[in-house]
C-alpha atoms as a PDB file:
ATOM      1  CA  MET A   1      54.752 -79.031   1.441  1.00  0.00           C
ATOM      2  CA  SER A   2      51.522 -78.227  -0.865  1.00  0.00           C
ATOM      3  CA  VAL A   3      49.224 -80.656  -0.887  1.00  0.00           C
ATOM      4  CA  CYS A   4      49.815 -81.571  -4.438  1.00  0.00           C
ATOM      5  CA  SER A   5      53.211 -83.116  -3.576  1.00  0.00           C
ATOM      6  CA  ARG A   6      51.647 -85.039  -1.034  1.00  0.00           C
ATOM      7  CA  SER A   7      48.783 -86.257  -3.152  1.00  0.00           C
ATOM      8  CA  LYS A   8      48.171 -90.223  -3.545  1.00  0.00           C
ATOM      9  CA  THR A   9      46.109 -91.533  -5.848  1.00  0.00           C
ATOM     10  CA  LYS A  10      43.619 -91.282  -2.624  1.00  0.00           C
ATOM     11  CA  MET A  11      44.046 -88.722  -0.633  1.00  0.00           C
ATOM     12  CA  LEU A  12      43.484 -89.440   3.724  1.00  0.00           C
ATOM     13  CA  ILE A  13      41.795 -86.111   4.811  1.00  0.00           C
ATOM     14  CA  LEU A  14      41.316 -86.017   8.847  1.00  0.00           C
ATOM     15  CA  GLY A  15      38.568 -83.328   9.755  1.00  0.00           C
ATOM     16  CA  ILE A  16      38.160 -81.629  13.135  1.00  0.00           C
ATOM     17  CA  ASP A  17      35.148 -79.700  14.848  1.00  0.00           C
ATOM     18  CA  SER A  18      35.598 -78.453  18.111  1.00  0.00           C
ATOM     19  CA  SER A  19      33.611 -74.944  16.904  1.00  0.00           C
ATOM     20  CA  SER A  20      30.237 -75.522  19.325  1.00  0.00           C
ATOM     21  CA  VAL A  21      28.941 -77.834  22.169  1.00  0.00           C
ATOM     22  CA  SER A  22      30.064 -81.097  19.972  1.00  0.00           C
ATOM     23  CA  GLY A  23      33.409 -82.641  18.917  1.00  0.00           C
ATOM     24  CA  ALA A  24      33.950 -84.550  15.613  1.00  0.00           C
ATOM     25  CA  ALA A  25      36.493 -85.970  14.037  1.00  0.00           C
ATOM     26  CA  ALA A  26      36.008 -88.099  10.601  1.00  0.00           C
ATOM     27  CA  VAL A  27      38.816 -89.888   7.817  1.00  0.00           C
ATOM     28  CA  LEU A  28      37.608 -89.694   4.438  1.00  0.00           C
ATOM     29  CA  ARG A  29      39.547 -91.212   1.535  1.00  0.00           C
ATOM     30  CA  ASP A  30      38.912 -88.572  -0.691  1.00  0.00           C
ATOM     31  CA  ASN A  31      34.805 -88.433  -0.757  1.00  0.00           C
ATOM     32  CA  THR A  32      34.504 -92.002   0.977  1.00  0.00           C
ATOM     33  CA  VAL A  33      33.886 -92.177   5.077  1.00  0.00           C
ATOM     34  CA  LEU A  34      36.194 -94.836   6.814  1.00  0.00           C
ATOM     35  CA  ALA A  35      35.554 -93.553  10.279  1.00  0.00           C
ATOM     36  CA  ASP A  36      33.046 -90.622  12.039  1.00  0.00           C
ATOM     37  CA  GLY A  37      33.511 -90.113  15.159  1.00  0.00           C
ATOM     38  CA  PHE A  38      31.291 -87.664  17.343  1.00  0.00           C
ATOM     39  CA  VAL A  39      30.572 -86.516  21.179  1.00  0.00           C
ATOM     40  CA  CYS A  40      28.822 -84.682  22.509  1.00  0.00           C
ATOM     41  CA  ASN A  41      28.457 -85.317  26.512  1.00  0.00           C
ATOM     42  CA  GLY A  42      29.401 -81.898  28.326  1.00  0.00           C
ATOM     43  CA  LEU A  43      32.756 -81.930  28.874  1.00  0.00           C
ATOM     44  CA  THR A  44      35.563 -79.669  27.990  1.00  0.00           C
ATOM     45  CA  HIS A  45      37.264 -80.638  24.337  1.00  0.00           C
ATOM     46  CA  SER A  46      40.161 -80.410  25.964  1.00  0.00           C
ATOM     47  CA  GLN A  47      39.618 -83.504  27.827  1.00  0.00           C
ATOM     48  CA  THR A  48      37.480 -84.997  24.444  1.00  0.00           C
ATOM     49  CA  LEU A  49      38.714 -83.962  21.766  1.00  0.00           C
ATOM     50  CA  LEU A  50      42.027 -85.682  21.088  1.00  0.00           C
ATOM     51  CA  PRO A  51      40.809 -89.157  22.291  1.00  0.00           C
ATOM     52  CA  LEU A  52      37.936 -88.942  19.817  1.00  0.00           C
ATOM     53  CA  ILE A  53      40.765 -88.074  17.053  1.00  0.00           C
ATOM     54  CA  GLN A  54      42.642 -90.943  18.119  1.00  0.00           C
ATOM     55  CA  GLN A  55      40.161 -93.837  18.275  1.00  0.00           C
ATOM     56  CA  THR A  56      39.093 -92.134  14.995  1.00  0.00           C
ATOM     57  CA  LEU A  57      42.316 -93.204  13.792  1.00  0.00           C
ATOM     58  CA  GLN A  58      42.377 -96.424  14.607  1.00  0.00           C
ATOM     59  CA  GLN A  59      39.184 -96.918  13.122  1.00  0.00           C
ATOM     60  CA  ALA A  60      39.961 -96.358  10.202  1.00  0.00           C
ATOM     61  CA  ASP A  61      43.448 -98.565  10.601  1.00  0.00           C
ATOM     62  CA  VAL A  62      45.398 -95.414   9.768  1.00  0.00           C
ATOM     63  CA  GLN A  63      47.920 -94.393  11.017  1.00  0.00           C
ATOM     64  CA  PRO A  64      48.677 -90.115  11.394  1.00  0.00           C
ATOM     65  CA  ASP A  65      51.539 -90.303   8.986  1.00  0.00           C
ATOM     66  CA  ALA A  66      49.620 -91.626   6.701  1.00  0.00           C
ATOM     67  CA  ILE A  67      46.733 -87.983   6.643  1.00  0.00           C
ATOM     68  CA  ASP A  68      47.247 -85.906   3.188  1.00  0.00           C
ATOM     69  CA  LEU A  69      45.468 -82.973   4.801  1.00  0.00           C
ATOM     70  CA  ILE A  70      44.073 -81.618   8.313  1.00  0.00           C
ATOM     71  CA  ALA A  71      40.509 -79.833   7.771  1.00  0.00           C
ATOM     72  CA  VAL A  72      39.704 -78.441  10.903  1.00  0.00           C
ATOM     73  CA  THR A  73      36.864 -75.317  11.525  1.00  0.00           C
ATOM     74  CA  ASN A  74      38.389 -72.241  11.514  1.00  0.00           C
ATOM     75  CA  GLY A  75      35.246 -70.481  13.118  1.00  0.00           C
ATOM     76  CA  PRO A  76      32.939 -69.127  13.566  1.00  0.00           C
ATOM     77  CA  GLY A  77      31.679 -70.429  17.102  1.00  0.00           C
ATOM     78  CA  SER A  78      33.578 -70.578  20.629  1.00  0.00           C
ATOM     79  CA  PHE A  79      36.427 -68.735  21.094  1.00  0.00           C
ATOM     80  CA  THR A  80      38.275 -71.511  23.693  1.00  0.00           C
ATOM     81  CA  GLY A  81      36.608 -74.297  21.642  1.00  0.00           C
ATOM     82  CA  LEU A  82      38.371 -72.787  18.234  1.00  0.00           C
ATOM     83  CA  ARG A  83      41.904 -72.471  19.879  1.00  0.00           C
ATOM     84  CA  ILE A  84      41.251 -76.112  21.495  1.00  0.00           C
ATOM     85  CA  GLY A  85      40.830 -77.161  17.602  1.00  0.00           C
ATOM     86  CA  MET A  86      43.145 -75.210  15.699  1.00  0.00           C
ATOM     87  CA  ALA A  87      45.934 -75.750  18.412  1.00  0.00           C
ATOM     88  CA  THR A  88      45.390 -79.460  17.899  1.00  0.00           C
ATOM     89  CA  ALA A  89      45.104 -79.498  14.368  1.00  0.00           C
ATOM     90  CA  LYS A  90      48.564 -77.449  13.885  1.00  0.00           C
ATOM     91  CA  GLY A  91      49.724 -79.798  16.828  1.00  0.00           C
ATOM     92  CA  ILE A  92      49.348 -82.894  14.507  1.00  0.00           C
ATOM     93  CA  ALA A  93      50.248 -81.547  11.283  1.00  0.00           C
ATOM     94  CA  ALA A  94      53.512 -80.052  12.893  1.00  0.00           C
ATOM     95  CA  VAL A  95      54.983 -83.570  14.023  1.00  0.00           C
ATOM     96  CA  TYR A  96      53.980 -84.938  10.558  1.00  0.00           C
ATOM     97  CA  ASP A  97      54.763 -82.241   8.184  1.00  0.00           C
ATOM     98  CA  THR A  98      51.094 -82.394   6.951  1.00  0.00           C
ATOM     99  CA  PRO A  99      49.323 -79.497   5.486  1.00  0.00           C
ATOM    100  CA  CYS A 100      45.906 -77.941   6.785  1.00  0.00           C
ATOM    101  CA  VAL A 101      42.430 -76.041   5.167  1.00  0.00           C
ATOM    102  CA  GLY A 102      40.378 -74.232   7.403  1.00  0.00           C
ATOM    103  CA  VAL A 103      36.470 -74.170   6.707  1.00  0.00           C
ATOM    104  CA  SER A 104      33.780 -72.481   7.813  1.00  0.00           C
ATOM    105  CA  ALA A 105      31.767 -74.101  10.570  1.00  0.00           C
ATOM    106  CA  LEU A 106      28.545 -72.658   9.631  1.00  0.00           C
ATOM    107  CA  GLU A 107      28.833 -74.070   5.919  1.00  0.00           C
ATOM    108  CA  ALA A 108      30.104 -77.477   7.822  1.00  0.00           C
ATOM    109  CA  ALA A 109      26.609 -77.570   9.914  1.00  0.00           C
ATOM    110  CA  ALA A 110      24.903 -77.076   6.778  1.00  0.00           C
ATOM    111  CA  MET A 111      26.649 -79.642   4.530  1.00  0.00           C
ATOM    112  CA  GLY A 112      25.220 -82.225   7.111  1.00  0.00           C
ATOM    113  CA  VAL A 113      21.631 -80.917   6.157  1.00  0.00           C
ATOM    114  CA  ARG A 114      20.955 -80.231   2.086  1.00  0.00           C
ATOM    115  CA  GLN A 115      17.311 -80.260   1.482  1.00  0.00           C
ATOM    116  CA  ASN A 116      16.877 -79.521  -1.996  1.00  0.00           C
ATOM    117  CA  GLY A 117      14.522 -76.192  -2.254  1.00  0.00           C
ATOM    118  CA  ALA A 118      15.296 -75.158   0.746  1.00  0.00           C
ATOM    119  CA  VAL A 119      17.392 -72.416   2.720  1.00  0.00           C
ATOM    120  CA  ILE A 120      19.546 -74.441   4.612  1.00  0.00           C
ATOM    121  CA  CYS A 121      20.046 -71.808   8.103  1.00  0.00           C
ATOM    122  CA  PRO A 122      22.826 -72.513  10.375  1.00  0.00           C
ATOM    123  CA  VAL A 123      22.943 -70.625  13.536  1.00  0.00           C
ATOM    124  CA  MET A 124      25.400 -70.472  16.332  1.00  0.00           C
ATOM    125  CA  ASP A 125      24.794 -68.988  19.578  1.00  0.00           C
ATOM    126  CA  ALA A 126      26.775 -65.894  20.110  1.00  0.00           C
ATOM    127  CA  ARG A 127      24.946 -64.708  23.279  1.00  0.00           C
ATOM    128  CA  CYS A 128      23.632 -61.415  23.732  1.00  0.00           C
ATOM    129  CA  LYS A 129      20.264 -62.220  21.692  1.00  0.00           C
ATOM    130  CA  GLN A 130      23.093 -62.862  18.387  1.00  0.00           C
ATOM    131  CA  VAL A 131      24.221 -65.690  16.146  1.00  0.00           C
ATOM    132  CA  TYR A 132      26.642 -66.654  14.410  1.00  0.00           C
ATOM    133  CA  ASN A 133      24.880 -67.081  10.500  1.00  0.00           C
ATOM    134  CA  ALA A 134      25.392 -67.280   7.181  1.00  0.00           C
ATOM    135  CA  LEU A 135      22.265 -68.671   4.802  1.00  0.00           C
ATOM    136  CA  PHE A 136      23.074 -71.623   1.407  1.00  0.00           C
ATOM    137  CA  CYS A 137      20.238 -72.529  -1.264  1.00  0.00           C
ATOM    138  CA  CYS A 138      20.417 -76.371  -1.628  1.00  0.00           C
ATOM    139  CA  GLN A 139      19.604 -77.359  -5.727  1.00  0.00           C
ATOM    140  CA  ASP A 140      20.464 -81.097  -6.702  1.00  0.00           C
ATOM    141  CA  GLY A 141      21.956 -81.467  -3.129  1.00  0.00           C
ATOM    142  CA  LYS A 142      24.372 -79.270  -3.898  1.00  0.00           C
ATOM    143  CA  LEU A 143      25.022 -76.137  -1.597  1.00  0.00           C
ATOM    144  CA  SER A 144      25.073 -72.371  -2.605  1.00  0.00           C
ATOM    145  CA  ARG A 145      25.923 -69.483  -0.327  1.00  0.00           C
ATOM    146  CA  LEU A 146      23.619 -66.497  -0.296  1.00  0.00           C
ATOM    147  CA  CYS A 147      25.424 -64.846   2.348  1.00  0.00           C
ATOM    148  CA  GLU A 148      28.760 -64.789   3.940  1.00  0.00           C
ATOM    149  CA  ASP A 149      29.391 -65.620   7.321  1.00  0.00           C
ATOM    150  CA  ARG A 150      28.277 -63.269  10.353  1.00  0.00           C
ATOM    151  CA  ALA A 151      26.942 -62.145  13.284  1.00  0.00           C
ATOM    152  CA  ILE A 152      24.079 -61.011  13.641  1.00  0.00           C
ATOM    153  CA  SER A 153      20.924 -60.661  15.834  1.00  0.00           C
ATOM    154  CA  ILE A 154      18.050 -62.921  16.464  1.00  0.00           C
ATOM    155  CA  GLU A 155      15.284 -60.567  15.798  1.00  0.00           C
ATOM    156  CA  ASP A 156      17.403 -59.201  11.960  1.00  0.00           C
ATOM    157  CA  LEU A 157      17.963 -62.574  11.067  1.00  0.00           C
ATOM    158  CA  LYS A 158      13.981 -63.036  11.437  1.00  0.00           C
ATOM    159  CA  LYS A 159      13.542 -59.820   9.292  1.00  0.00           C
ATOM    160  CA  GLU A 160      15.443 -61.566   6.608  1.00  0.00           C
ATOM    161  CA  LEU A 161      13.975 -64.727   6.839  1.00  0.00           C
ATOM    162  CA  GLN A 162      10.542 -63.084   6.516  1.00  0.00           C
ATOM    163  CA  ASN A 163      11.603 -61.772   3.096  1.00  0.00           C
ATOM    164  CA  LEU A 164      12.841 -65.077   1.163  1.00  0.00           C
ATOM    165  CA  LYS A 165       8.966 -67.038   0.837  1.00  0.00           C
ATOM    166  CA  LYS A 166      11.064 -70.312   1.028  1.00  0.00           C
ATOM    167  CA  PRO A 167      11.094 -73.298   3.042  1.00  0.00           C
ATOM    168  CA  VAL A 168      13.842 -72.527   5.827  1.00  0.00           C
ATOM    169  CA  VAL A 169      16.016 -75.327   7.229  1.00  0.00           C
ATOM    170  CA  LEU A 170      17.428 -74.838  11.001  1.00  0.00           C
ATOM    171  CA  VAL A 171      20.601 -76.578  11.529  1.00  0.00           C
ATOM    172  CA  GLY A 172      23.071 -75.943  13.991  1.00  0.00           C
ATOM    173  CA  ASP A 173      23.788 -75.168  18.280  1.00  0.00           C
ATOM    174  CA  GLY A 174      21.304 -72.231  18.455  1.00  0.00           C
ATOM    175  CA  ALA A 175      18.663 -74.132  15.855  1.00  0.00           C
ATOM    176  CA  VAL A 176      16.164 -74.418  18.756  1.00  0.00           C
ATOM    177  CA  LEU A 177      16.752 -70.960  19.871  1.00  0.00           C
ATOM    178  CA  CYS A 178      15.846 -69.206  16.617  1.00  0.00           C
ATOM    179  CA  TYR A 179      12.771 -71.635  16.469  1.00  0.00           C
ATOM    180  CA  ASN A 180      11.755 -70.987  19.302  1.00  0.00           C
ATOM    181  CA  ALA A 181      11.776 -67.256  18.504  1.00  0.00           C
ATOM    182  CA  TYR A 182      10.656 -68.004  15.036  1.00  0.00           C
ATOM    183  CA  LYS A 183       7.538 -69.889  16.143  1.00  0.00           C
ATOM    184  CA  ASP A 184       5.012 -67.398  14.222  1.00  0.00           C
ATOM    185  CA  LEU A 185       7.026 -68.140  10.879  1.00  0.00           C
ATOM    186  CA  ASP A 186       5.414 -71.309   9.995  1.00  0.00           C
ATOM    187  CA  TYR A 187       7.899 -72.047   6.329  1.00  0.00           C
ATOM    188  CA  VAL A 188      10.647 -72.117   9.336  1.00  0.00           C
ATOM    189  CA  ALA A 189      11.580 -75.710  10.679  1.00  0.00           C
ATOM    190  CA  LEU A 190      13.959 -77.778  12.559  1.00  0.00           C
ATOM    191  CA  CYS A 191      16.334 -79.931  11.186  1.00  0.00           C
ATOM    192  CA  ALA A 192      16.301 -83.300  12.536  1.00  0.00           C
ATOM    193  CA  GLU A 193      18.051 -83.846  15.823  1.00  0.00           C
ATOM    194  CA  LYS A 194      20.527 -86.253  14.768  1.00  0.00           C
ATOM    195  CA  ASP A 195      21.879 -83.570  11.848  1.00  0.00           C
ATOM    196  CA  ARG A 196      22.241 -80.784  13.560  1.00  0.00           C
ATOM    197  CA  LEU A 197      25.074 -80.719  14.797  1.00  0.00           C
ATOM    198  CA  ILE A 198      28.365 -80.336  12.612  1.00  0.00           C
ATOM    199  CA  ARG A 199      29.962 -83.669  12.045  1.00  0.00           C
ATOM    200  CA  GLY A 200      33.245 -84.656  11.066  1.00  0.00           C
ATOM    201  CA  GLU A 201      32.558 -86.079   7.779  1.00  0.00           C
ATOM    202  CA  SER A 202      31.069 -82.722   6.715  1.00  0.00           C
ATOM    203  CA  VAL A 203      34.483 -80.485   7.427  1.00  0.00           C
ATOM    204  CA  ALA A 204      36.828 -83.023   5.957  1.00  0.00           C
ATOM    205  CA  LEU A 205      34.311 -83.295   2.715  1.00  0.00           C
ATOM    206  CA  LEU A 206      35.190 -79.221   2.377  1.00  0.00           C
ATOM    207  CA  GLY A 207      38.832 -79.984   3.306  1.00  0.00           C
ATOM    208  CA  PHE A 208      38.570 -82.104   0.287  1.00  0.00           C
ATOM    209  CA  ALA A 209      36.745 -79.449  -1.648  1.00  0.00           C
ATOM    210  CA  ASN A 210      39.258 -76.755  -0.845  1.00  0.00           C
ATOM    211  CA  THR A 211      42.621 -78.666  -0.553  1.00  0.00           C
ATOM    212  CA  ASP A 212      43.594 -75.673  -2.658  1.00  0.00           C
ATOM    213  CA  ALA A 213      43.576 -73.389   0.026  1.00  0.00           C
ATOM    214  CA  ALA A 214      45.796 -75.697   2.294  1.00  0.00           C
ATOM    215  CA  VAL A 215      48.431 -73.777   4.032  1.00  0.00           C
ATOM    216  CA  GLN A 216      51.355 -75.035   6.317  1.00  0.00           C
ATOM    217  CA  PRO A 217      50.241 -75.529   9.935  1.00  0.00           C
ATOM    218  CA  GLU A 218      51.499 -72.320  11.610  1.00  0.00           C
ATOM    219  CA  ALA A 219      49.401 -70.137   9.246  1.00  0.00           C
ATOM    220  CA  LEU A 220      46.242 -71.139  10.100  1.00  0.00           C
ATOM    221  CA  ARG A 221      43.890 -68.743  11.324  1.00  0.00           C
ATOM    222  CA  PRO A 222      40.640 -68.281  13.437  1.00  0.00           C
ATOM    223  CA  VAL A 223      37.974 -66.018  12.323  1.00  0.00           C
ATOM    224  CA  TYR A 224      35.905 -65.042  15.121  1.00  0.00           C
ATOM    225  CA  LEU A 225      33.751 -62.643  13.594  1.00  0.00           C
ATOM    226  CA  ARG A 226      33.660 -61.027  17.250  1.00  0.00           C
ATOM    227  CA  LEU A 227      35.756 -59.476  19.519  1.00  0.00           C
ATOM    228  CA  PRO A 228      36.453 -61.882  22.933  1.00  0.00           C
ATOM    229  CA  GLN A 229      33.460 -61.015  25.642  1.00  0.00           C
ATOM    230  CA  ALA A 230      36.697 -59.581  28.033  1.00  0.00           C
ATOM    231  CA  GLN A 231      37.826 -57.358  24.828  1.00  0.00           C
ATOM    232  CA  ARG A 232      34.104 -56.074  24.219  1.00  0.00           C
ATOM    233  CA  GLU A 233      33.428 -54.932  27.597  1.00  0.00           C
ATOM    234  CA  LEU A 234      36.545 -53.124  27.759  1.00  0.00           C
ATOM    235  CA  LEU A 235      35.480 -51.126  24.742  1.00  0.00           C
ATOM    236  CA  LYS A 236      31.994 -50.895  26.626  1.00  0.00           C
ATOM    237  CA  LYS A 237      33.955 -48.872  29.708  1.00  0.00           C
ATOM    238  CA  LYS A 238      35.970 -46.754  27.294  1.00  0.00           C
ATOM    239  CA  GLY A 239      32.847 -45.816  25.496  1.00  0.00           C
ATOM    240  CA  GLN A 240      33.792 -47.424  22.045  1.00  0.00           C
ATOM    241  CA  ASN A 241      31.926 -49.424  19.600  1.00  0.00           C
ATOM    242  CA  GLU A 242      33.281 -53.049  18.909  1.00  0.00           C
ATOM    243  CA  GLN A 243      35.211 -53.117  15.479  1.00  0.00           C
END
C-alpha cells in the first residue's frame, strides 16, 4: 500500500529515534507537532522506546491505526539502538499495514539547530577515534547537504573544518567529544545542550518531506556505514581491511 493511497487531508506521522544514547518519539499532523516525547535516562532502548511511543500517542490522542506514515532513523548510529528502533517501527507498521520511511540520524540531528549562516556539523561517537558525520549549510532556516553521511576520524574531520572558514556548530552525542578536540578552532561552537540530541519532531518532519521514499515495513534497511565491531575484529585477525 502506497503512502498516497492512505493520504488524508492532514497526514499523521509517527517519528521514532533510538540511534544514540537518547530515545525520541513524536506525532505530527503534516508539519504540526501534536506530541513530542524524549528520554535519556541511561536505560536501554529495549526498556524505554515502546513505552515512550505509547505515551506520545496517548498525549497526541491518536490511535496507532490512525498513523499514515512511520518515520524512523535508519542510521548511522548505535548498531543495537538502530536494530531496536527499526524492529519497533516494523512491528507497529506490520500490525496496521502502515508505510515506513527511513531517515538519516545525522540529518535529523542537524534539523534541531538550523543556525543561519553556519555549517551544521552533526557528529555521533563511532568509537575508535571516529565519528559518524555529515555537514550541512543553513540558509533561511533550510538545510542543504555539503557531504553524504560517513564514518570519519576525529582528526580528519578537524582538517576539513579548518578549510571551511565559516562558523561551525557541533550537534549530536559526539559534539562534546569533538569540541574538546577542536578547542584551538575558535569558530567551532557547541549547540545548546537542549538541542544536542535527536528529537522525534525532526524525524517526523524528515519523514513528511520524504513520503515518496516510503516502503512497506519489511523493506526497511539499516545504514550502518561500518561493520559491527565483532566483524571488524575478525577481519583484523585475518589480516584484511574493513570494506
